[in-house]
Amino acid sequence: MFIIIILFFFFSGAVVFVSNLKHLLLILLSLEFIVLRLFFYLLIYLNLFNFEQYFVIFYLIFSVCEGALGLSILVSLIRTHGNDYFQSFSILQC
């Protein structure tokens, strides 16, 4: 039952990520939501089969690094462009 709920939340986060969003912050939040749901799914899966949970710690370390990298990109884009709208970004400026 919990697996179905976690998969529902995962796919709802994926739908928000795929939808046409205007702000980079909303996309980063949906990615973090997906990462959090995958963490819960991995935790339940490893507990179900009585495996070691060292992989969960490594997964959390990489997800925190991914979140910090996303926030640093967001801050640098806001400093250079003044906002986080995707319509104001251009590939030719990079």
N, C-alpha and C. Protein backbone atom coordinates (compact mmCIF):
# COMPACT_ATOMS: atom_id res chain seq x y z
N MET A 1 0.82 -1.20 0.00
CA MET A 1 0.00 0.00 0.00
C MET A 1 0.86 1.25 0.00
N PHE A 2 1.94 1.25 0.83
CA PHE A 2 2.81 2.41 0.89
C PHE A 2 3.55 2.62 -0.42
N ILE A 3 3.88 1.53 -1.09
CA ILE A 3 4.61 1.63 -2.36
C ILE A 3 3.74 2.30 -3.41
N ILE A 4 2.46 2.01 -3.43
CA ILE A 4 1.55 2.63 -4.39
C ILE A 4 1.43 4.12 -4.12
N ILE A 5 1.37 4.49 -2.86
CA ILE A 5 1.28 5.91 -2.51
C ILE A 5 2.56 6.64 -2.89
N ILE A 6 3.71 6.03 -2.63
CA ILE A 6 4.98 6.66 -2.97
C ILE A 6 5.13 6.77 -4.48
N LEU A 7 4.73 5.76 -5.23
CA LEU A 7 4.80 5.84 -6.69
C LEU A 7 3.84 6.89 -7.23
N PHE A 8 2.68 7.05 -6.61
CA PHE A 8 1.76 8.11 -7.02
C PHE A 8 2.38 9.48 -6.82
N PHE A 9 3.02 9.68 -5.66
CA PHE A 9 3.68 10.96 -5.42
C PHE A 9 4.85 11.18 -6.37
N PHE A 10 5.57 10.11 -6.69
CA PHE A 10 6.69 10.23 -7.64
C PHE A 10 6.19 10.67 -9.00
N PHE A 11 5.13 10.02 -9.49
CA PHE A 11 4.62 10.38 -10.81
C PHE A 11 3.94 11.75 -10.82
N SER A 12 3.37 12.16 -9.70
CA SER A 12 2.81 13.52 -9.65
C SER A 12 3.94 14.55 -9.70
N GLY A 13 5.07 14.28 -9.06
CA GLY A 13 6.22 15.16 -9.16
C GLY A 13 6.79 15.19 -10.57
N ALA A 14 6.78 14.03 -11.24
CA ALA A 14 7.26 13.98 -12.62
C ALA A 14 6.35 14.76 -13.56
N VAL A 15 5.05 14.73 -13.32
CA VAL A 15 4.11 15.50 -14.15
C VAL A 15 4.34 16.99 -13.97
N VAL A 16 4.59 17.42 -12.74
CA VAL A 16 4.88 18.84 -12.50
C VAL A 16 6.19 19.23 -13.17
N PHE A 17 7.17 18.35 -13.15
CA PHE A 17 8.46 18.65 -13.79
C PHE A 17 8.33 18.76 -15.30
N VAL A 18 7.53 17.90 -15.89
CA VAL A 18 7.39 17.88 -17.35
C VAL A 18 6.49 19.00 -17.86
N SER A 19 5.57 19.45 -17.02
CA SER A 19 4.65 20.50 -17.46
C SER A 19 5.42 21.79 -17.75
N ASN A 20 4.78 22.67 -18.46
CA ASN A 20 5.41 23.91 -18.90
C ASN A 20 5.46 24.90 -17.75
N LEU A 21 6.59 24.95 -17.06
CA LEU A 21 6.75 25.86 -15.92
C LEU A 21 7.53 27.09 -16.36
N LYS A 22 7.24 28.19 -15.70
CA LYS A 22 7.89 29.44 -16.06
C LYS A 22 9.11 29.75 -15.20
N HIS A 23 9.13 29.25 -13.99
CA HIS A 23 10.19 29.60 -13.06
C HIS A 23 11.14 28.43 -12.84
N LEU A 24 12.41 28.75 -12.71
CA LEU A 24 13.42 27.73 -12.44
C LEU A 24 13.27 27.18 -11.03
N LEU A 25 12.83 28.01 -10.09
CA LEU A 25 12.66 27.55 -8.71
C LEU A 25 11.59 26.46 -8.61
N LEU A 26 10.52 26.56 -9.37
CA LEU A 26 9.49 25.51 -9.36
C LEU A 26 10.02 24.20 -9.91
N ILE A 27 10.86 24.29 -10.92
CA ILE A 27 11.45 23.07 -11.48
C ILE A 27 12.40 22.42 -10.47
N LEU A 28 13.18 23.24 -9.78
CA LEU A 28 14.08 22.68 -8.77
C LEU A 28 13.30 22.06 -7.61
N LEU A 29 12.20 22.68 -7.22
CA LEU A 29 11.38 22.10 -6.16
C LEU A 29 10.75 20.77 -6.58
N SER A 30 10.31 20.68 -7.83
CA SER A 30 9.74 19.41 -8.29
C SER A 30 10.81 18.33 -8.37
N LEU A 31 12.03 18.70 -8.75
CA LEU A 31 13.11 17.71 -8.76
C LEU A 31 13.44 17.23 -7.35
N GLU A 32 13.44 18.13 -6.40
CA GLU A 32 13.69 17.72 -5.01
C GLU A 32 12.55 16.85 -4.47
N PHE A 33 11.33 17.12 -4.90
CA PHE A 33 10.20 16.28 -4.51
C PHE A 33 10.36 14.88 -5.06
N ILE A 34 10.81 14.75 -6.30
CA ILE A 34 11.04 13.44 -6.90
C ILE A 34 12.17 12.71 -6.18
N VAL A 35 13.24 13.43 -5.84
CA VAL A 35 14.37 12.82 -5.13
C VAL A 35 13.93 12.33 -3.76
N LEU A 36 13.10 13.11 -3.08
CA LEU A 36 12.62 12.70 -1.75
C LEU A 36 11.75 11.45 -1.84
N ARG A 37 10.89 11.38 -2.83
CA ARG A 37 10.04 10.19 -2.98
C ARG A 37 10.86 8.97 -3.36
N LEU A 38 11.86 9.14 -4.19
CA LEU A 38 12.74 8.01 -4.51
C LEU A 38 13.52 7.55 -3.28
N PHE A 39 13.86 8.49 -2.41
CA PHE A 39 14.53 8.12 -1.16
C PHE A 39 13.62 7.25 -0.31
N PHE A 40 12.36 7.64 -0.15
CA PHE A 40 11.44 6.83 0.65
C PHE A 40 11.21 5.46 0.01
N TYR A 41 11.11 5.42 -1.31
CA TYR A 41 10.92 4.14 -1.99
C TYR A 41 12.15 3.24 -1.79
N LEU A 42 13.34 3.82 -1.87
CA LEU A 42 14.56 3.05 -1.67
C LEU A 42 14.67 2.55 -0.24
N LEU A 43 14.28 3.38 0.70
CA LEU A 43 14.33 2.99 2.11
C LEU A 43 13.37 1.84 2.40
N ILE A 44 12.18 1.90 1.87
CA ILE A 44 11.21 0.82 2.07
C ILE A 44 11.69 -0.46 1.38
N TYR A 45 12.24 -0.31 0.18
CA TYR A 45 12.72 -1.48 -0.56
C TYR A 45 13.87 -2.17 0.19
N LEU A 46 14.81 -1.41 0.71
CA LEU A 46 15.94 -2.01 1.42
C LEU A 46 15.49 -2.62 2.75
N ASN A 47 14.53 -2.02 3.41
CA ASN A 47 14.02 -2.60 4.65
C ASN A 47 13.20 -3.86 4.40
N LEU A 48 12.55 -3.92 3.26
CA LEU A 48 11.74 -5.08 2.93
C LEU A 48 12.59 -6.34 2.77
N PHE A 49 13.77 -6.19 2.17
CA PHE A 49 14.63 -7.34 1.93
C PHE A 49 15.80 -7.44 2.91
N ASN A 50 15.78 -6.63 3.97
CA ASN A 50 16.79 -6.66 5.02
C ASN A 50 18.21 -6.46 4.50
N PHE A 51 18.38 -5.49 3.61
CA PHE A 51 19.71 -5.15 3.11
C PHE A 51 20.34 -4.08 3.98
N GLU A 52 21.63 -3.91 3.80
CA GLU A 52 22.34 -2.83 4.49
C GLU A 52 21.86 -1.49 3.94
N GLN A 53 21.91 -0.49 4.78
CA GLN A 53 21.38 0.81 4.36
C GLN A 53 22.47 1.84 4.13
N TYR A 54 23.66 1.39 3.79
CA TYR A 54 24.73 2.32 3.47
C TYR A 54 24.43 3.05 2.16
N PHE A 55 23.76 2.38 1.25
CA PHE A 55 23.43 3.01 -0.02
C PHE A 55 22.49 4.19 0.17
N VAL A 56 21.64 4.12 1.18
CA VAL A 56 20.72 5.23 1.47
C VAL A 56 21.50 6.46 1.90
N ILE A 57 22.56 6.27 2.66
CA ILE A 57 23.38 7.40 3.08
C ILE A 57 24.08 8.03 1.89
N PHE A 58 24.62 7.21 0.99
CA PHE A 58 25.25 7.75 -0.21
C PHE A 58 24.23 8.48 -1.09
N TYR A 59 23.03 7.93 -1.18
CA TYR A 59 21.98 8.58 -1.96
C TYR A 59 21.63 9.95 -1.37
N LEU A 60 21.55 10.04 -0.05
CA LEU A 60 21.26 11.32 0.60
C LEU A 60 22.40 12.32 0.37
N ILE A 61 23.62 11.86 0.40
CA ILE A 61 24.77 12.75 0.17
C ILE A 61 24.71 13.32 -1.24
N PHE A 62 24.45 12.47 -2.23
CA PHE A 62 24.39 12.96 -3.60
C PHE A 62 23.18 13.85 -3.85
N SER A 63 22.08 13.57 -3.18
CA SER A 63 20.90 14.43 -3.38
C SER A 63 21.10 15.80 -2.74
N VAL A 64 21.80 15.86 -1.61
CA VAL A 64 22.10 17.16 -1.00
C VAL A 64 23.06 17.95 -1.88
N CYS A 65 24.03 17.28 -2.45
CA CYS A 65 24.95 17.96 -3.38
C CYS A 65 24.22 18.46 -4.62
N GLU A 66 23.27 17.68 -5.09
CA GLU A 66 22.48 18.10 -6.26
C GLU A 66 21.62 19.31 -5.92
N GLY A 67 21.05 19.33 -4.73
CA GLY A 67 20.24 20.47 -4.32
C GLY A 67 21.06 21.73 -4.15
N ALA A 68 22.26 21.60 -3.58
CA ALA A 68 23.13 22.76 -3.42
C ALA A 68 23.60 23.29 -4.77
N LEU A 69 23.89 22.39 -5.69
CA LEU A 69 24.29 22.82 -7.04
C LEU A 69 23.15 23.54 -7.75
N GLY A 70 21.93 23.03 -7.62
CA GLY A 70 20.78 23.69 -8.23
C GLY A 70 20.53 25.07 -7.65
N LEU A 71 20.66 25.21 -6.34
CA LEU A 71 20.47 26.52 -5.72
C LEU A 71 21.57 27.49 -6.11
N SER A 72 22.79 27.02 -6.26
CA SER A 72 23.86 27.93 -6.69
C SER A 72 23.65 28.39 -8.13
N ILE A 73 23.15 27.51 -8.98
CA ILE A 73 22.83 27.92 -10.35
C ILE A 73 21.69 28.92 -10.35
N LEU A 74 20.69 28.71 -9.50
CA LEU A 74 19.58 29.64 -9.40
C LEU A 74 20.04 31.02 -8.93
N VAL A 75 20.90 31.07 -7.94
CA VAL A 75 21.40 32.35 -7.44
C VAL A 75 22.23 33.06 -8.50
N SER A 76 23.07 32.33 -9.22
CA SER A 76 23.88 32.98 -10.26
C SER A 76 23.02 33.49 -11.41
N LEU A 77 21.95 32.75 -11.76
CA LEU A 77 21.06 33.24 -12.81
C LEU A 77 20.27 34.46 -12.38
N ILE A 78 19.87 34.51 -11.12
CA ILE A 78 19.14 35.68 -10.64
C ILE A 78 20.07 36.89 -10.57
N ARG A 79 21.32 36.67 -10.21
CA ARG A 79 22.26 37.80 -10.18
C ARG A 79 22.59 38.33 -11.57
N THR A 80 22.67 37.46 -12.56
CA THR A 80 23.03 37.92 -13.91
C THR A 80 21.83 38.44 -14.68
N HIS A 81 20.67 37.79 -14.55
CA HIS A 81 19.50 38.16 -15.35
C HIS A 81 18.44 38.92 -14.57
N GLY A 82 18.45 38.87 -13.27
CA GLY A 82 17.50 39.61 -12.47
C GLY A 82 16.24 38.85 -12.11
N ASN A 83 15.98 37.71 -12.72
CA ASN A 83 14.80 36.90 -12.40
C ASN A 83 15.08 35.45 -12.76
N ASP A 84 14.07 34.60 -12.53
CA ASP A 84 14.24 33.18 -12.87
C ASP A 84 13.23 32.72 -13.91
N TYR A 85 12.75 33.63 -14.74
CA TYR A 85 11.87 33.26 -15.83
C TYR A 85 12.66 32.59 -16.95
N PHE A 86 12.09 31.54 -17.53
CA PHE A 86 12.76 30.89 -18.64
C PHE A 86 12.66 31.69 -19.93
N GLN A 87 11.67 32.55 -20.04
CA GLN A 87 11.51 33.33 -21.26
C GLN A 87 12.61 34.39 -21.40
N SER A 88 13.20 34.80 -20.29
CA SER A 88 14.25 35.83 -20.37
C SER A 88 15.63 35.24 -20.65
N PHE A 89 15.78 33.92 -20.58
CA PHE A 89 17.07 33.30 -20.85
C PHE A 89 17.23 33.08 -22.35
N SER A 90 18.43 33.23 -22.82
CA SER A 90 18.72 32.98 -24.23
C SER A 90 19.99 32.16 -24.32
N ILE A 91 20.03 31.23 -25.23
CA ILE A 91 21.22 30.39 -25.43
C ILE A 91 22.33 31.19 -26.05
N LEU A 92 21.99 32.21 -26.83
CA LEU A 92 22.99 33.02 -27.49
C LEU A 92 23.79 33.88 -26.52
N GLN A 93 23.25 34.17 -25.33
CA GLN A 93 23.96 34.98 -24.35
C GLN A 93 25.00 34.19 -23.60
N CYS A 94 24.89 32.90 -23.53
CA CYS A 94 25.81 32.09 -22.72
C CYS A 94 27.14 31.91 -23.37
